Each structure stands twice: as structure tokens, then as C-alpha cells.
Amino acid sequence: MAGWFIPSRNYATIILLHGYGGSRTAMIWHAEQLVEAGYGVLMYDERASGKSEGTHRSYGWEDTRDLAERSIP
């Protein structure tokens, strides 16, 4: 899983997810607003999207397991 994490300054973190066929870069504007407000932000490319590996898309159904099983650099 390819992703970015920006640590929180207010002890709260928000996970931003891109749309089907997109990538985390689509969420940069939203991330900037949240970081400016003190939130931590996690953005990642879902499986088979952006820079994440894979050929099978789960349409979000397997995202929880994907995040639990992998560390994001």
C-alpha cells in the first residue's frame, strides 16, 4: 500500500479515501485544509490504484483488512 501520513497536532486523525480509479493525490486539497486545522491525515492508494500494487479492486469491501495487514511507508 502506498500512502502518506501527516501526524496530528490535536490528537485526531482523519483517513481520506479517493474515488474509484483515482489515487490519493485527488485528496491533497482536503488534506491541506485538515492539516492546517491541526488534524492528522492518512491518505493511501487503495489496492490496484495509484502506486499501490495489485490487480483486484475490492470497491472498499477489503480496505479495512488491507490497512490492518500492511504498513504504509
PDB file of N, CA and C in Angstrom:
ATOM      1  N   MET A   1       0.846  -1.173   0.000  1.00  0.00           N
ATOM      2  CA  MET A   1       0.000   0.000   0.000  1.00  0.00           C
ATOM      3  C   MET A   1       0.893   1.238   0.000  1.00  0.00           C
ATOM      4  N   ALA A   2       0.652   2.113  -0.930  1.00  0.00           N
ATOM      5  CA  ALA A   2       1.371   3.376  -0.984  1.00  0.00           C
ATOM      6  C   ALA A   2       0.525   4.442  -0.294  1.00  0.00           C
ATOM      7  N   GLY A   3       1.163   5.241   0.539  1.00  0.00           N
ATOM      8  CA  GLY A   3       0.378   6.252   1.229  1.00  0.00           C
ATOM      9  C   GLY A   3       1.226   7.308   1.899  1.00  0.00           C
ATOM     10  N   TRP A   4       0.543   8.298   2.445  1.00  0.00           N
ATOM     11  CA  TRP A   4       1.171   9.379   3.196  1.00  0.00           C
ATOM     12  C   TRP A   4       0.464   9.518   4.528  1.00  0.00           C
ATOM     13  N   PHE A   5       1.239   9.816   5.562  1.00  0.00           N
ATOM     14  CA  PHE A   5       0.668  10.103   6.880  1.00  0.00           C
ATOM     15  C   PHE A   5       1.263  11.398   7.388  1.00  0.00           C
ATOM     16  N   ILE A   6       0.392  12.297   7.816  1.00  0.00           N
ATOM     17  CA  ILE A   6       0.824  13.548   8.430  1.00  0.00           C
ATOM     18  C   ILE A   6       0.341  13.496   9.873  1.00  0.00           C
ATOM     19  N   PRO A   7       1.253  13.551  10.847  1.00  0.00           N
ATOM     20  CA  PRO A   7       0.866  13.437  12.257  1.00  0.00           C
ATOM     21  C   PRO A   7      -0.047  14.583  12.706  1.00  0.00           C
ATOM     22  N   SER A   8      -0.857  14.279  13.687  1.00  0.00           N
ATOM     23  CA  SER A   8      -1.815  15.221  14.248  1.00  0.00           C
ATOM     24  C   SER A   8      -1.166  16.185  15.231  1.00  0.00           C
ATOM     25  N   ARG A   9      -1.729  17.379  15.316  1.00  0.00           N
ATOM     26  CA  ARG A   9      -1.357  18.322  16.369  1.00  0.00           C
ATOM     27  C   ARG A   9      -2.473  18.432  17.406  1.00  0.00           C
ATOM     28  N   ASN A  10      -3.639  17.835  17.123  1.00  0.00           N
ATOM     29  CA  ASN A  10      -4.770  17.925  18.048  1.00  0.00           C
ATOM     30  C   ASN A  10      -5.268  16.552  18.525  1.00  0.00           C
ATOM     31  N   TYR A  11      -4.470  15.510  18.335  1.00  0.00           N
ATOM     32  CA  TYR A  11      -4.765  14.145  18.776  1.00  0.00           C
ATOM     33  C   TYR A  11      -5.898  13.482  17.993  1.00  0.00           C
ATOM     34  N   ALA A  12      -6.221  13.996  16.832  1.00  0.00           N
ATOM     35  CA  ALA A  12      -7.248  13.393  15.982  1.00  0.00           C
ATOM     36  C   ALA A  12      -6.678  13.203  14.580  1.00  0.00           C
ATOM     37  N   THR A  13      -6.979  12.053  13.988  1.00  0.00           N
ATOM     38  CA  THR A  13      -6.509  11.753  12.638  1.00  0.00           C
ATOM     39  C   THR A  13      -7.687  11.366  11.768  1.00  0.00           C
ATOM     40  N   ILE A  14      -7.666  11.821  10.537  1.00  0.00           N
ATOM     41  CA  ILE A  14      -8.729  11.546   9.577  1.00  0.00           C
ATOM     42  C   ILE A  14      -8.138  10.756   8.418  1.00  0.00           C
ATOM     43  N   ILE A  15      -8.856   9.733   7.972  1.00  0.00           N
ATOM     44  CA  ILE A  15      -8.441   8.931   6.822  1.00  0.00           C
ATOM     45  C   ILE A  15      -9.206   9.442   5.608  1.00  0.00           C
ATOM     46  N   LEU A  16      -8.489   9.829   4.578  1.00  0.00           N
ATOM     47  CA  LEU A  16      -9.102  10.298   3.335  1.00  0.00           C
ATOM     48  C   LEU A  16      -8.975   9.217   2.272  1.00  0.00           C
ATOM     49  N   LEU A  17     -10.077   8.894   1.624  1.00  0.00           N
ATOM     50  CA  LEU A  17     -10.092   7.869   0.585  1.00  0.00           C
ATOM     51  C   LEU A  17     -10.458   8.495  -0.755  1.00  0.00           C
ATOM     52  N   HIS A  18      -9.772   8.077  -1.787  1.00  0.00           N
ATOM     53  CA  HIS A  18     -10.057   8.567  -3.131  1.00  0.00           C
ATOM     54  C   HIS A  18     -11.186   7.764  -3.759  1.00  0.00           C
ATOM     55  N   GLY A  19     -11.697   8.260  -4.864  1.00  0.00           N
ATOM     56  CA  GLY A  19     -12.755   7.571  -5.587  1.00  0.00           C
ATOM     57  C   GLY A  19     -12.222   6.444  -6.455  1.00  0.00           C
ATOM     58  N   TYR A  20     -13.130   5.675  -7.014  1.00  0.00           N
ATOM     59  CA  TYR A  20     -12.773   4.537  -7.860  1.00  0.00           C
ATOM     60  C   TYR A  20     -11.910   4.994  -9.033  1.00  0.00           C
ATOM     61  N   GLY A  21     -10.802   4.306  -9.234  1.00  0.00           N
ATOM     62  CA  GLY A  21      -9.908   4.605 -10.339  1.00  0.00           C
ATOM     63  C   GLY A  21      -9.005   5.805 -10.098  1.00  0.00           C
ATOM     64  N   GLY A  22      -9.107   6.413  -8.924  1.00  0.00           N
ATOM     65  CA  GLY A  22      -8.294   7.577  -8.613  1.00  0.00           C
ATOM     66  C   GLY A  22      -7.062   7.216  -7.811  1.00  0.00           C
ATOM     67  N   SER A  23      -6.517   8.212  -7.138  1.00  0.00           N
ATOM     68  CA  SER A  23      -5.372   8.000  -6.263  1.00  0.00           C
ATOM     69  C   SER A  23      -5.425   9.032  -5.146  1.00  0.00           C
ATOM     70  N   ARG A  24      -4.536   8.867  -4.184  1.00  0.00           N
ATOM     71  CA  ARG A  24      -4.514   9.761  -3.027  1.00  0.00           C
ATOM     72  C   ARG A  24      -4.274  11.216  -3.411  1.00  0.00           C
ATOM     73  N   THR A  25      -3.643  11.450  -4.555  1.00  0.00           N
ATOM     74  CA  THR A  25      -3.365  12.832  -4.946  1.00  0.00           C
ATOM     75  C   THR A  25      -4.649  13.636  -5.161  1.00  0.00           C
ATOM     76  N   ALA A  26      -5.762  12.965  -5.411  1.00  0.00           N
ATOM     77  CA  ALA A  26      -7.042  13.656  -5.587  1.00  0.00           C
ATOM     78  C   ALA A  26      -7.511  14.297  -4.284  1.00  0.00           C
ATOM     79  N   MET A  27      -6.943  13.881  -3.160  1.00  0.00           N
ATOM     80  CA  MET A  27      -7.385  14.358  -1.852  1.00  0.00           C
ATOM     81  C   MET A  27      -6.443  15.401  -1.247  1.00  0.00           C
ATOM     82  N   ILE A  28      -5.475  15.879  -2.011  1.00  0.00           N
ATOM     83  CA  ILE A  28      -4.474  16.796  -1.451  1.00  0.00           C
ATOM     84  C   ILE A  28      -5.108  18.079  -0.910  1.00  0.00           C
ATOM     85  N   TRP A  29      -6.023  18.686  -1.637  1.00  0.00           N
ATOM     86  CA  TRP A  29      -6.632  19.932  -1.160  1.00  0.00           C
ATOM     87  C   TRP A  29      -7.320  19.713   0.179  1.00  0.00           C
ATOM     88  N   HIS A  30      -8.068  18.622   0.288  1.00  0.00           N
ATOM     89  CA  HIS A  30      -8.770  18.307   1.534  1.00  0.00           C
ATOM     90  C   HIS A  30      -7.771  18.086   2.676  1.00  0.00           C
ATOM     91  N   ALA A  31      -6.702  17.371   2.378  1.00  0.00           N
ATOM     92  CA  ALA A  31      -5.671  17.110   3.386  1.00  0.00           C
ATOM     93  C   ALA A  31      -5.041  18.415   3.870  1.00  0.00           C
ATOM     94  N   GLU A  32      -4.757  19.313   2.953  1.00  0.00           N
ATOM     95  CA  GLU A  32      -4.152  20.588   3.345  1.00  0.00           C
ATOM     96  C   GLU A  32      -5.050  21.356   4.312  1.00  0.00           C
ATOM     97  N   GLN A  33      -6.347  21.356   4.051  1.00  0.00           N
ATOM     98  CA  GLN A  33      -7.284  22.064   4.931  1.00  0.00           C
ATOM     99  C   GLN A  33      -7.313  21.430   6.322  1.00  0.00           C
ATOM    100  N   LEU A  34      -7.321  20.113   6.378  1.00  0.00           N
ATOM    101  CA  LEU A  34      -7.366  19.403   7.658  1.00  0.00           C
ATOM    102  C   LEU A  34      -6.072  19.581   8.447  1.00  0.00           C
ATOM    103  N   VAL A  35      -4.945  19.493   7.771  1.00  0.00           N
ATOM    104  CA  VAL A  35      -3.648  19.668   8.436  1.00  0.00           C
ATOM    105  C   VAL A  35      -3.536  21.088   8.992  1.00  0.00           C
ATOM    106  N   GLU A  36      -3.983  22.056   8.217  1.00  0.00           N
ATOM    107  CA  GLU A  36      -3.962  23.448   8.676  1.00  0.00           C
ATOM    108  C   GLU A  36      -4.802  23.624   9.943  1.00  0.00           C
ATOM    109  N   ALA A  37      -5.863  22.830  10.078  1.00  0.00           N
ATOM    110  CA  ALA A  37      -6.725  22.885  11.257  1.00  0.00           C
ATOM    111  C   ALA A  37      -6.194  22.029  12.415  1.00  0.00           C
ATOM    112  N   GLY A  38      -5.050  21.367  12.209  1.00  0.00           N
ATOM    113  CA  GLY A  38      -4.421  20.603  13.281  1.00  0.00           C
ATOM    114  C   GLY A  38      -4.640  19.108  13.247  1.00  0.00           C
ATOM    115  N   TYR A  39      -5.430  18.625  12.300  1.00  0.00           N
ATOM    116  CA  TYR A  39      -5.707  17.195  12.216  1.00  0.00           C
ATOM    117  C   TYR A  39      -4.547  16.433  11.594  1.00  0.00           C
ATOM    118  N   GLY A  40      -4.405  15.192  11.998  1.00  0.00           N
ATOM    119  CA  GLY A  40      -3.517  14.278  11.308  1.00  0.00           C
ATOM    120  C   GLY A  40      -4.277  13.721  10.121  1.00  0.00           C
ATOM    121  N   VAL A  41      -3.570  13.337   9.083  1.00  0.00           N
ATOM    122  CA  VAL A  41      -4.225  12.831   7.877  1.00  0.00           C
ATOM    123  C   VAL A  41      -3.497  11.594   7.374  1.00  0.00           C
ATOM    124  N   LEU A  42      -4.276  10.573   7.046  1.00  0.00           N
ATOM    125  CA  LEU A  42      -3.759   9.384   6.374  1.00  0.00           C
ATOM    126  C   LEU A  42      -4.436   9.317   5.019  1.00  0.00           C
ATOM    127  N   MET A  43      -3.626   9.293   3.970  1.00  0.00           N
ATOM    128  CA  MET A  43      -4.121   9.135   2.604  1.00  0.00           C
ATOM    129  C   MET A  43      -3.352   7.971   1.995  1.00  0.00           C
ATOM    130  N   TYR A  44      -4.059   7.084   1.336  1.00  0.00           N
ATOM    131  CA  TYR A  44      -3.370   5.960   0.704  1.00  0.00           C
ATOM    132  C   TYR A  44      -4.047   5.617  -0.609  1.00  0.00           C
ATOM    133  N   ASP A  45      -3.300   4.965  -1.469  1.00  0.00           N
ATOM    134  CA  ASP A  45      -3.854   4.465  -2.719  1.00  0.00           C
ATOM    135  C   ASP A  45      -4.427   3.083  -2.435  1.00  0.00           C
ATOM    136  N   GLU A  46      -5.710   2.919  -2.678  1.00  0.00           N
ATOM    137  CA  GLU A  46      -6.337   1.616  -2.471  1.00  0.00           C
ATOM    138  C   GLU A  46      -5.688   0.579  -3.381  1.00  0.00           C
ATOM    139  N   ARG A  47      -5.862  -0.685  -3.054  1.00  0.00           N
ATOM    140  CA  ARG A  47      -5.275  -1.759  -3.864  1.00  0.00           C
ATOM    141  C   ARG A  47      -5.595  -1.557  -5.338  1.00  0.00           C
ATOM    142  N   ALA A  48      -4.616  -1.834  -6.175  1.00  0.00           N
ATOM    143  CA  ALA A  48      -4.732  -1.727  -7.632  1.00  0.00           C
ATOM    144  C   ALA A  48      -5.043  -0.305  -8.095  1.00  0.00           C
ATOM    145  N   SER A  49      -4.676   0.677  -7.288  1.00  0.00           N
ATOM    146  CA  SER A  49      -4.891   2.077  -7.639  1.00  0.00           C
ATOM    147  C   SER A  49      -3.616   2.867  -7.371  1.00  0.00           C
ATOM    148  N   GLY A  50      -3.409   3.935  -8.130  1.00  0.00           N
ATOM    149  CA  GLY A  50      -2.243   4.784  -7.906  1.00  0.00           C
ATOM    150  C   GLY A  50      -0.965   3.975  -7.880  1.00  0.00           C
ATOM    151  N   LYS A  51      -0.187   4.136  -6.792  1.00  0.00           N
ATOM    152  CA  LYS A  51       1.083   3.428  -6.668  1.00  0.00           C
ATOM    153  C   LYS A  51       0.992   2.161  -5.823  1.00  0.00           C
ATOM    154  N   SER A  52      -0.213   1.763  -5.433  1.00  0.00           N
ATOM    155  CA  SER A  52      -0.382   0.510  -4.687  1.00  0.00           C
ATOM    156  C   SER A  52      -0.437  -0.659  -5.656  1.00  0.00           C
ATOM    157  N   GLU A  53       0.073  -1.786  -5.209  1.00  0.00           N
ATOM    158  CA  GLU A  53       0.122  -2.969  -6.056  1.00  0.00           C
ATOM    159  C   GLU A  53      -1.226  -3.672  -6.110  1.00  0.00           C
ATOM    160  N   GLY A  54      -1.322  -4.610  -7.025  1.00  0.00           N
ATOM    161  CA  GLY A  54      -2.497  -5.452  -7.129  1.00  0.00           C
ATOM    162  C   GLY A  54      -3.217  -5.288  -8.444  1.00  0.00           C
ATOM    163  N   THR A  55      -4.073  -6.242  -8.737  1.00  0.00           N
ATOM    164  CA  THR A  55      -4.878  -6.195  -9.950  1.00  0.00           C
ATOM    165  C   THR A  55      -6.361  -6.291  -9.631  1.00  0.00           C
ATOM    166  N   HIS A  56      -6.688  -6.626  -8.395  1.00  0.00           N
ATOM    167  CA  HIS A  56      -8.076  -6.816  -7.959  1.00  0.00           C
ATOM    168  C   HIS A  56      -8.515  -5.621  -7.123  1.00  0.00           C
ATOM    169  N   ARG A  57      -9.565  -4.951  -7.532  1.00  0.00           N
ATOM    170  CA  ARG A  57     -10.140  -3.866  -6.737  1.00  0.00           C
ATOM    171  C   ARG A  57     -11.290  -4.425  -5.917  1.00  0.00           C
ATOM    172  N   SER A  58     -11.386  -4.008  -4.668  1.00  0.00           N
ATOM    173  CA  SER A  58     -12.421  -4.548  -3.788  1.00  0.00           C
ATOM    174  C   SER A  58     -13.599  -3.599  -3.608  1.00  0.00           C
ATOM    175  N   TYR A  59     -13.563  -2.441  -4.259  1.00  0.00           N
ATOM    176  CA  TYR A  59     -14.631  -1.438  -4.143  1.00  0.00           C
ATOM    177  C   TYR A  59     -14.865  -1.045  -2.689  1.00  0.00           C
ATOM    178  N   GLY A  60     -13.791  -1.084  -1.891  1.00  0.00           N
ATOM    179  CA  GLY A  60     -13.864  -0.678  -0.486  1.00  0.00           C
ATOM    180  C   GLY A  60     -14.140  -1.793   0.497  1.00  0.00           C
ATOM    181  N   TRP A  61     -14.624  -2.930   0.028  1.00  0.00           N
ATOM    182  CA  TRP A  61     -15.015  -4.015   0.928  1.00  0.00           C
ATOM    183  C   TRP A  61     -13.830  -4.605   1.684  1.00  0.00           C
ATOM    184  N   GLU A  62     -12.638  -4.531   1.142  1.00  0.00           N
ATOM    185  CA  GLU A  62     -11.480  -5.145   1.793  1.00  0.00           C
ATOM    186  C   GLU A  62     -10.482  -4.114   2.307  1.00  0.00           C
ATOM    187  N   ASP A  63     -10.846  -2.846   2.294  1.00  0.00           N
ATOM    188  CA  ASP A  63      -9.932  -1.791   2.723  1.00  0.00           C
ATOM    189  C   ASP A  63      -9.526  -1.931   4.184  1.00  0.00           C
ATOM    190  N   THR A  64     -10.456  -2.251   5.056  1.00  0.00           N
ATOM    191  CA  THR A  64     -10.134  -2.382   6.483  1.00  0.00           C
ATOM    192  C   THR A  64      -9.065  -3.447   6.687  1.00  0.00           C
ATOM    193  N   ARG A  65      -9.245  -4.581   6.046  1.00  0.00           N
ATOM    194  CA  ARG A  65      -8.256  -5.656   6.158  1.00  0.00           C
ATOM    195  C   ARG A  65      -6.931  -5.254   5.525  1.00  0.00           C
ATOM    196  N   ASP A  66      -6.978  -4.577   4.390  1.00  0.00           N
ATOM    197  CA  ASP A  66      -5.750  -4.140   3.727  1.00  0.00           C
ATOM    198  C   ASP A  66      -4.934  -3.244   4.656  1.00  0.00           C
ATOM    199  N   LEU A  67      -5.580  -2.309   5.321  1.00  0.00           N
ATOM    200  CA  LEU A  67      -4.870  -1.395   6.211  1.00  0.00           C
ATOM    201  C   LEU A  67      -4.335  -2.110   7.449  1.00  0.00           C
ATOM    202  N   ALA A  68      -5.091  -3.044   7.971  1.00  0.00           N
ATOM    203  CA  ALA A  68      -4.662  -3.776   9.162  1.00  0.00           C
ATOM    204  C   ALA A  68      -3.471  -4.679   8.880  1.00  0.00           C
ATOM    205  N   GLU A  69      -3.387  -5.210   7.667  1.00  0.00           N
ATOM    206  CA  GLU A  69      -2.332  -6.173   7.332  1.00  0.00           C
ATOM    207  C   GLU A  69      -1.066  -5.541   6.797  1.00  0.00           C
ATOM    208  N   ARG A  70      -1.105  -4.273   6.419  1.00  0.00           N
ATOM    209  CA  ARG A  70       0.063  -3.656   5.791  1.00  0.00           C
ATOM    210  C   ARG A  70       0.453  -2.378   6.510  1.00  0.00           C
ATOM    211  N   SER A  71       1.726  -2.118   6.503  1.00  0.00           N
ATOM    212  CA  SER A  71       2.186  -0.823   6.998  1.00  0.00           C
ATOM    213  C   SER A  71       2.389   0.084   5.811  1.00  0.00           C
ATOM    214  N   ILE A  72       2.109   1.352   5.988  1.00  0.00           N
ATOM    215  CA  ILE A  72       2.249   2.325   4.915  1.00  0.00           C
ATOM    216  C   ILE A  72       3.549   3.081   5.138  1.00  0.00           C
ATOM    217  N   PRO A  73       4.467   3.067   4.149  1.00  0.00           N
ATOM    218  CA  PRO A  73       5.738   3.758   4.333  1.00  0.00           C
ATOM    219  C   PRO A  73       5.583   5.265   4.426  1.00  0.00           C
TER     220      PRO A  73
END
